[in-house]
Amino acid sequence: MSDRINTLDELLSDPMVLLVMERDRVRPEQVRLLLERVRRPSVYGPLVPPAHVVAKTCLQQWLGR
């Protein structure tokens, strides 16, 4: 990857990004869906959980619980 600003398509097709996503069991379509959900305003409040919730979930997946 270079220092220039990339599009989402470029980032999601980068071999290194794909390797990390595979290791973390994340699919490109999940990233697209998440970004689309965050982009839209919601009457129900934020759709992205707070960082500590994300970290806890990631840690549980990483530990295989």
PDB file of N, CA and C in Angstrom:
ATOM      1  N   MET A   1       0.845  -1.187   0.000  1.00  0.00           N
ATOM      2  CA  MET A   1       0.000   0.000   0.000  1.00  0.00           C
ATOM      3  C   MET A   1       0.879   1.234   0.000  1.00  0.00           C
ATOM      4  N   SER A   2       0.394   2.265  -0.595  1.00  0.00           N
ATOM      5  CA  SER A   2       1.141   3.514  -0.655  1.00  0.00           C
ATOM      6  C   SER A   2       0.565   4.510   0.341  1.00  0.00           C
ATOM      7  N   ASP A   3       1.136   5.704   0.362  1.00  0.00           N
ATOM      8  CA  ASP A   3       0.665   6.747   1.272  1.00  0.00           C
ATOM      9  C   ASP A   3      -0.522   7.518   0.711  1.00  0.00           C
ATOM     10  N   ARG A   4      -0.911   7.222  -0.507  1.00  0.00           N
ATOM     11  CA  ARG A   4      -2.026   7.963  -1.095  1.00  0.00           C
ATOM     12  C   ARG A   4      -3.351   7.466  -0.522  1.00  0.00           C
ATOM     13  N   ILE A   5      -4.376   8.275  -0.680  1.00  0.00           N
ATOM     14  CA  ILE A   5      -5.703   7.900  -0.205  1.00  0.00           C
ATOM     15  C   ILE A   5      -6.282   6.863  -1.161  1.00  0.00           C
ATOM     16  N   ASN A   6      -6.781   5.769  -0.614  1.00  0.00           N
ATOM     17  CA  ASN A   6      -7.329   4.685  -1.410  1.00  0.00           C
ATOM     18  C   ASN A   6      -8.847   4.677  -1.350  1.00  0.00           C
ATOM     19  N   THR A   7      -9.443   4.112  -2.387  1.00  0.00           N
ATOM     20  CA  THR A   7     -10.885   3.890  -2.345  1.00  0.00           C
ATOM     21  C   THR A   7     -11.146   2.616  -1.554  1.00  0.00           C
ATOM     22  N   LEU A   8     -12.381   2.417  -1.168  1.00  0.00           N
ATOM     23  CA  LEU A   8     -12.743   1.210  -0.429  1.00  0.00           C
ATOM     24  C   LEU A   8     -12.457  -0.029  -1.273  1.00  0.00           C
ATOM     25  N   ASP A   9     -12.757   0.032  -2.557  1.00  0.00           N
ATOM     26  CA  ASP A   9     -12.481  -1.106  -3.435  1.00  0.00           C
ATOM     27  C   ASP A   9     -10.994  -1.444  -3.459  1.00  0.00           C
ATOM     28  N   GLU A  10     -10.157  -0.411  -3.512  1.00  0.00           N
ATOM     29  CA  GLU A  10      -8.712  -0.647  -3.507  1.00  0.00           C
ATOM     30  C   GLU A  10      -8.264  -1.270  -2.193  1.00  0.00           C
ATOM     31  N   LEU A  11      -8.775  -0.759  -1.103  1.00  0.00           N
ATOM     32  CA  LEU A  11      -8.395  -1.292   0.209  1.00  0.00           C
ATOM     33  C   LEU A  11      -8.849  -2.739   0.387  1.00  0.00           C
ATOM     34  N   LEU A  12     -10.069  -3.029  -0.049  1.00  0.00           N
ATOM     35  CA  LEU A  12     -10.613  -4.377   0.139  1.00  0.00           C
ATOM     36  C   LEU A  12     -10.049  -5.383  -0.865  1.00  0.00           C
ATOM     37  N   SER A  13      -9.274  -4.930  -1.824  1.00  0.00           N
ATOM     38  CA  SER A  13      -8.624  -5.847  -2.750  1.00  0.00           C
ATOM     39  C   SER A  13      -7.120  -5.942  -2.507  1.00  0.00           C
ATOM     40  N   ASP A  14      -6.628  -5.190  -1.540  1.00  0.00           N
ATOM     41  CA  ASP A  14      -5.209  -5.227  -1.207  1.00  0.00           C
ATOM     42  C   ASP A  14      -4.884  -6.585  -0.568  1.00  0.00           C
ATOM     43  N   PRO A  15      -3.853  -7.285  -1.057  1.00  0.00           N
ATOM     44  CA  PRO A  15      -3.527  -8.614  -0.529  1.00  0.00           C
ATOM     45  C   PRO A  15      -3.257  -8.636   0.975  1.00  0.00           C
ATOM     46  N   MET A  16      -2.582  -7.616   1.483  1.00  0.00           N
ATOM     47  CA  MET A  16      -2.285  -7.596   2.921  1.00  0.00           C
ATOM     48  C   MET A  16      -3.563  -7.412   3.738  1.00  0.00           C
ATOM     49  N   VAL A  17      -4.438  -6.530   3.287  1.00  0.00           N
ATOM     50  CA  VAL A  17      -5.715  -6.311   3.967  1.00  0.00           C
ATOM     51  C   VAL A  17      -6.531  -7.599   3.943  1.00  0.00           C
ATOM     52  N   LEU A  18      -6.546  -8.270   2.810  1.00  0.00           N
ATOM     53  CA  LEU A  18      -7.294  -9.520   2.691  1.00  0.00           C
ATOM     54  C   LEU A  18      -6.750 -10.595   3.629  1.00  0.00           C
ATOM     55  N   LEU A  19      -5.438 -10.661   3.783  1.00  0.00           N
ATOM     56  CA  LEU A  19      -4.851 -11.634   4.714  1.00  0.00           C
ATOM     57  C   LEU A  19      -5.267 -11.361   6.152  1.00  0.00           C
ATOM     58  N   VAL A  20      -5.222 -10.099   6.541  1.00  0.00           N
ATOM     59  CA  VAL A  20      -5.614  -9.734   7.906  1.00  0.00           C
ATOM     60  C   VAL A  20      -7.098 -10.021   8.123  1.00  0.00           C
ATOM     61  N   MET A  21      -7.914  -9.677   7.130  1.00  0.00           N
ATOM     62  CA  MET A  21      -9.351  -9.934   7.245  1.00  0.00           C
ATOM     63  C   MET A  21      -9.627 -11.434   7.328  1.00  0.00           C
ATOM     64  N   GLU A  22      -8.909 -12.232   6.556  1.00  0.00           N
ATOM     65  CA  GLU A  22      -9.088 -13.682   6.611  1.00  0.00           C
ATOM     66  C   GLU A  22      -8.718 -14.219   7.990  1.00  0.00           C
ATOM     67  N   ARG A  23      -7.604 -13.733   8.526  1.00  0.00           N
ATOM     68  CA  ARG A  23      -7.178 -14.160   9.856  1.00  0.00           C
ATOM     69  C   ARG A  23      -8.225 -13.814  10.913  1.00  0.00           C
ATOM     70  N   ASP A  24      -8.853 -12.648  10.746  1.00  0.00           N
ATOM     71  CA  ASP A  24      -9.858 -12.188  11.708  1.00  0.00           C
ATOM     72  C   ASP A  24     -11.274 -12.669  11.372  1.00  0.00           C
ATOM     73  N   ARG A  25     -11.373 -13.489  10.327  1.00  0.00           N
ATOM     74  CA  ARG A  25     -12.670 -14.036   9.901  1.00  0.00           C
ATOM     75  C   ARG A  25     -13.664 -12.930   9.537  1.00  0.00           C
ATOM     76  N   VAL A  26     -13.182 -11.943   8.808  1.00  0.00           N
ATOM     77  CA  VAL A  26     -14.017 -10.836   8.349  1.00  0.00           C
ATOM     78  C   VAL A  26     -14.064 -10.890   6.830  1.00  0.00           C
ATOM     79  N   ARG A  27     -15.261 -10.785   6.282  1.00  0.00           N
ATOM     80  CA  ARG A  27     -15.430 -10.799   4.835  1.00  0.00           C
ATOM     81  C   ARG A  27     -15.627  -9.370   4.323  1.00  0.00           C
ATOM     82  N   PRO A  28     -15.173  -9.091   3.101  1.00  0.00           N
ATOM     83  CA  PRO A  28     -15.319  -7.739   2.540  1.00  0.00           C
ATOM     84  C   PRO A  28     -16.762  -7.233   2.572  1.00  0.00           C
ATOM     85  N   GLU A  29     -17.714  -8.106   2.306  1.00  0.00           N
ATOM     86  CA  GLU A  29     -19.114  -7.658   2.320  1.00  0.00           C
ATOM     87  C   GLU A  29     -19.561  -7.227   3.720  1.00  0.00           C
ATOM     88  N   GLN A  30     -18.975  -7.791   4.765  1.00  0.00           N
ATOM     89  CA  GLN A  30     -19.282  -7.353   6.128  1.00  0.00           C
ATOM     90  C   GLN A  30     -18.778  -5.936   6.366  1.00  0.00           C
ATOM     91  N   VAL A  31     -17.594  -5.642   5.853  1.00  0.00           N
ATOM     92  CA  VAL A  31     -17.032  -4.293   5.997  1.00  0.00           C
ATOM     93  C   VAL A  31     -17.901  -3.288   5.254  1.00  0.00           C
ATOM     94  N   ARG A  32     -18.294  -3.635   4.032  1.00  0.00           N
ATOM     95  CA  ARG A  32     -19.155  -2.743   3.251  1.00  0.00           C
ATOM     96  C   ARG A  32     -20.480  -2.485   3.966  1.00  0.00           C
ATOM     97  N   LEU A  33     -21.090  -3.535   4.496  1.00  0.00           N
ATOM     98  CA  LEU A  33     -22.357  -3.397   5.209  1.00  0.00           C
ATOM     99  C   LEU A  33     -22.195  -2.512   6.439  1.00  0.00           C
ATOM    100  N   LEU A  34     -21.145  -2.727   7.200  1.00  0.00           N
ATOM    101  CA  LEU A  34     -20.896  -1.913   8.381  1.00  0.00           C
ATOM    102  C   LEU A  34     -20.742  -0.442   8.015  1.00  0.00           C
ATOM    103  N   LEU A  35     -19.957  -0.174   6.992  1.00  0.00           N
ATOM    104  CA  LEU A  35     -19.748   1.222   6.589  1.00  0.00           C
ATOM    105  C   LEU A  35     -21.030   1.852   6.059  1.00  0.00           C
ATOM    106  N   GLU A  36     -21.826   1.081   5.362  1.00  0.00           N
ATOM    107  CA  GLU A  36     -23.097   1.603   4.859  1.00  0.00           C
ATOM    108  C   GLU A  36     -24.046   1.917   6.017  1.00  0.00           C
ATOM    109  N   ARG A  37     -24.075   1.054   7.010  1.00  0.00           N
ATOM    110  CA  ARG A  37     -24.939   1.276   8.179  1.00  0.00           C
ATOM    111  C   ARG A  37     -24.500   2.507   8.965  1.00  0.00           C
ATOM    112  N   VAL A  38     -23.216   2.697   9.089  1.00  0.00           N
ATOM    113  CA  VAL A  38     -22.689   3.846   9.836  1.00  0.00           C
ATOM    114  C   VAL A  38     -22.957   5.140   9.076  1.00  0.00           C
ATOM    115  N   ARG A  39     -22.912   5.069   7.771  1.00  0.00           N
ATOM    116  CA  ARG A  39     -23.092   6.270   6.948  1.00  0.00           C
ATOM    117  C   ARG A  39     -24.517   6.820   7.049  1.00  0.00           C
ATOM    118  N   ARG A  40     -25.483   5.942   7.176  1.00  0.00           N
ATOM    119  CA  ARG A  40     -26.883   6.376   7.247  1.00  0.00           C
ATOM    120  C   ARG A  40     -27.222   6.849   8.656  1.00  0.00           C
ATOM    121  N   PRO A  41     -27.872   7.995   8.781  1.00  0.00           N
ATOM    122  CA  PRO A  41     -28.309   8.429  10.109  1.00  0.00           C
ATOM    123  C   PRO A  41     -29.419   7.508  10.619  1.00  0.00           C
ATOM    124  N   SER A  42     -29.474   7.329  11.905  1.00  0.00           N
ATOM    125  CA  SER A  42     -30.464   6.435  12.493  1.00  0.00           C
ATOM    126  C   SER A  42     -31.229   7.150  13.600  1.00  0.00           C
ATOM    127  N   VAL A  43     -32.532   6.889  13.658  1.00  0.00           N
ATOM    128  CA  VAL A  43     -33.351   7.442  14.734  1.00  0.00           C
ATOM    129  C   VAL A  43     -33.152   6.649  16.017  1.00  0.00           C
ATOM    130  N   TYR A  44     -32.525   5.479  15.915  1.00  0.00           N
ATOM    131  CA  TYR A  44     -32.317   4.606  17.073  1.00  0.00           C
ATOM    132  C   TYR A  44     -30.975   4.816  17.754  1.00  0.00           C
ATOM    133  N   GLY A  45     -30.237   5.779  17.305  1.00  0.00           N
ATOM    134  CA  GLY A  45     -28.927   6.026  17.896  1.00  0.00           C
ATOM    135  C   GLY A  45     -27.829   5.371  17.076  1.00  0.00           C
ATOM    136  N   PRO A  46     -26.618   5.412  17.566  1.00  0.00           N
ATOM    137  CA  PRO A  46     -25.491   4.874  16.806  1.00  0.00           C
ATOM    138  C   PRO A  46     -25.623   3.364  16.610  1.00  0.00           C
ATOM    139  N   LEU A  47     -25.260   2.890  15.422  1.00  0.00           N
ATOM    140  CA  LEU A  47     -25.327   1.464  15.126  1.00  0.00           C
ATOM    141  C   LEU A  47     -24.014   0.758  15.404  1.00  0.00           C
ATOM    142  N   VAL A  48     -22.960   1.512  15.574  1.00  0.00           N
ATOM    143  CA  VAL A  48     -21.664   0.924  15.881  1.00  0.00           C
ATOM    144  C   VAL A  48     -21.503   0.930  17.397  1.00  0.00           C
ATOM    145  N   PRO A  49     -21.240  -0.231  17.980  1.00  0.00           N
ATOM    146  CA  PRO A  49     -21.095  -0.273  19.438  1.00  0.00           C
ATOM    147  C   PRO A  49     -19.856   0.475  19.904  1.00  0.00           C
ATOM    148  N   PRO A  50     -19.830   0.847  21.171  1.00  0.00           N
ATOM    149  CA  PRO A  50     -18.657   1.527  21.720  1.00  0.00           C
ATOM    150  C   PRO A  50     -17.407   0.651  21.596  1.00  0.00           C
ATOM    151  N   ALA A  51     -16.259   1.286  21.604  1.00  0.00           N
ATOM    152  CA  ALA A  51     -14.991   0.586  21.386  1.00  0.00           C
ATOM    153  C   ALA A  51     -14.773  -0.553  22.379  1.00  0.00           C
ATOM    154  N   HIS A  52     -15.166  -0.372  23.650  1.00  0.00           N
ATOM    155  CA  HIS A  52     -14.924  -1.438  24.627  1.00  0.00           C
ATOM    156  C   HIS A  52     -15.767  -2.676  24.330  1.00  0.00           C
ATOM    157  N   VAL A  53     -16.933  -2.504  23.728  1.00  0.00           N
ATOM    158  CA  VAL A  53     -17.769  -3.644  23.356  1.00  0.00           C
ATOM    159  C   VAL A  53     -17.143  -4.371  22.168  1.00  0.00           C
ATOM    160  N   VAL A  54     -16.662  -3.603  21.199  1.00  0.00           N
ATOM    161  CA  VAL A  54     -16.002  -4.202  20.042  1.00  0.00           C
ATOM    162  C   VAL A  54     -14.760  -4.957  20.493  1.00  0.00           C
ATOM    163  N   ALA A  55     -13.974  -4.357  21.360  1.00  0.00           N
ATOM    164  CA  ALA A  55     -12.742  -4.989  21.832  1.00  0.00           C
ATOM    165  C   ALA A  55     -13.050  -6.287  22.568  1.00  0.00           C
ATOM    166  N   LYS A  56     -14.073  -6.288  23.392  1.00  0.00           N
ATOM    167  CA  LYS A  56     -14.436  -7.494  24.148  1.00  0.00           C
ATOM    168  C   LYS A  56     -14.865  -8.604  23.190  1.00  0.00           C
ATOM    169  N   THR A  57     -15.671  -8.261  22.194  1.00  0.00           N
ATOM    170  CA  THR A  57     -16.134  -9.243  21.225  1.00  0.00           C
ATOM    171  C   THR A  57     -14.968  -9.811  20.423  1.00  0.00           C
ATOM    172  N   CYS A  58     -14.077  -8.938  19.984  1.00  0.00           N
ATOM    173  CA  CYS A  58     -12.909  -9.389  19.228  1.00  0.00           C
ATOM    174  C   CYS A  58     -12.021 -10.287  20.071  1.00  0.00           C
ATOM    175  N   LEU A  59     -11.840  -9.935  21.318  1.00  0.00           N
ATOM    176  CA  LEU A  59     -11.015 -10.742  22.214  1.00  0.00           C
ATOM    177  C   LEU A  59     -11.636 -12.119  22.408  1.00  0.00           C
ATOM    178  N   GLN A  60     -12.944 -12.184  22.569  1.00  0.00           N
ATOM    179  CA  GLN A  60     -13.615 -13.475  22.732  1.00  0.00           C
ATOM    180  C   GLN A  60     -13.455 -14.336  21.484  1.00  0.00           C
ATOM    181  N   GLN A  61     -13.586 -13.730  20.311  1.00  0.00           N
ATOM    182  CA  GLN A  61     -13.396 -14.484  19.066  1.00  0.00           C
ATOM    183  C   GLN A  61     -11.953 -14.955  18.953  1.00  0.00           C
ATOM    184  N   TRP A  62     -11.029 -14.092  19.320  1.00  0.00           N
ATOM    185  CA  TRP A  62      -9.614 -14.431  19.226  1.00  0.00           C
ATOM    186  C   TRP A  62      -9.258 -15.580  20.153  1.00  0.00           C
ATOM    187  N   LEU A  63      -9.862 -15.592  21.336  1.00  0.00           N
ATOM    188  CA  LEU A  63      -9.594 -16.639  22.306  1.00  0.00           C
ATOM    189  C   LEU A  63     -10.414 -17.894  22.023  1.00  0.00           C
ATOM    190  N   GLY A  64     -11.354 -17.804  21.098  1.00  0.00           N
ATOM    191  CA  GLY A  64     -12.154 -18.963  20.725  1.00  0.00           C
ATOM    192  C   GLY A  64     -13.236 -19.315  21.713  1.00  0.00           C
ATOM    193  N   ARG A  65     -13.752 -18.329  22.408  1.00  0.00           N
ATOM    194  CA  ARG A  65     -14.808 -18.607  23.397  1.00  0.00           C
ATOM    195  C   ARG A  65     -16.164 -18.526  22.782  1.00  0.00           C
TER     196      ARG A  65
END
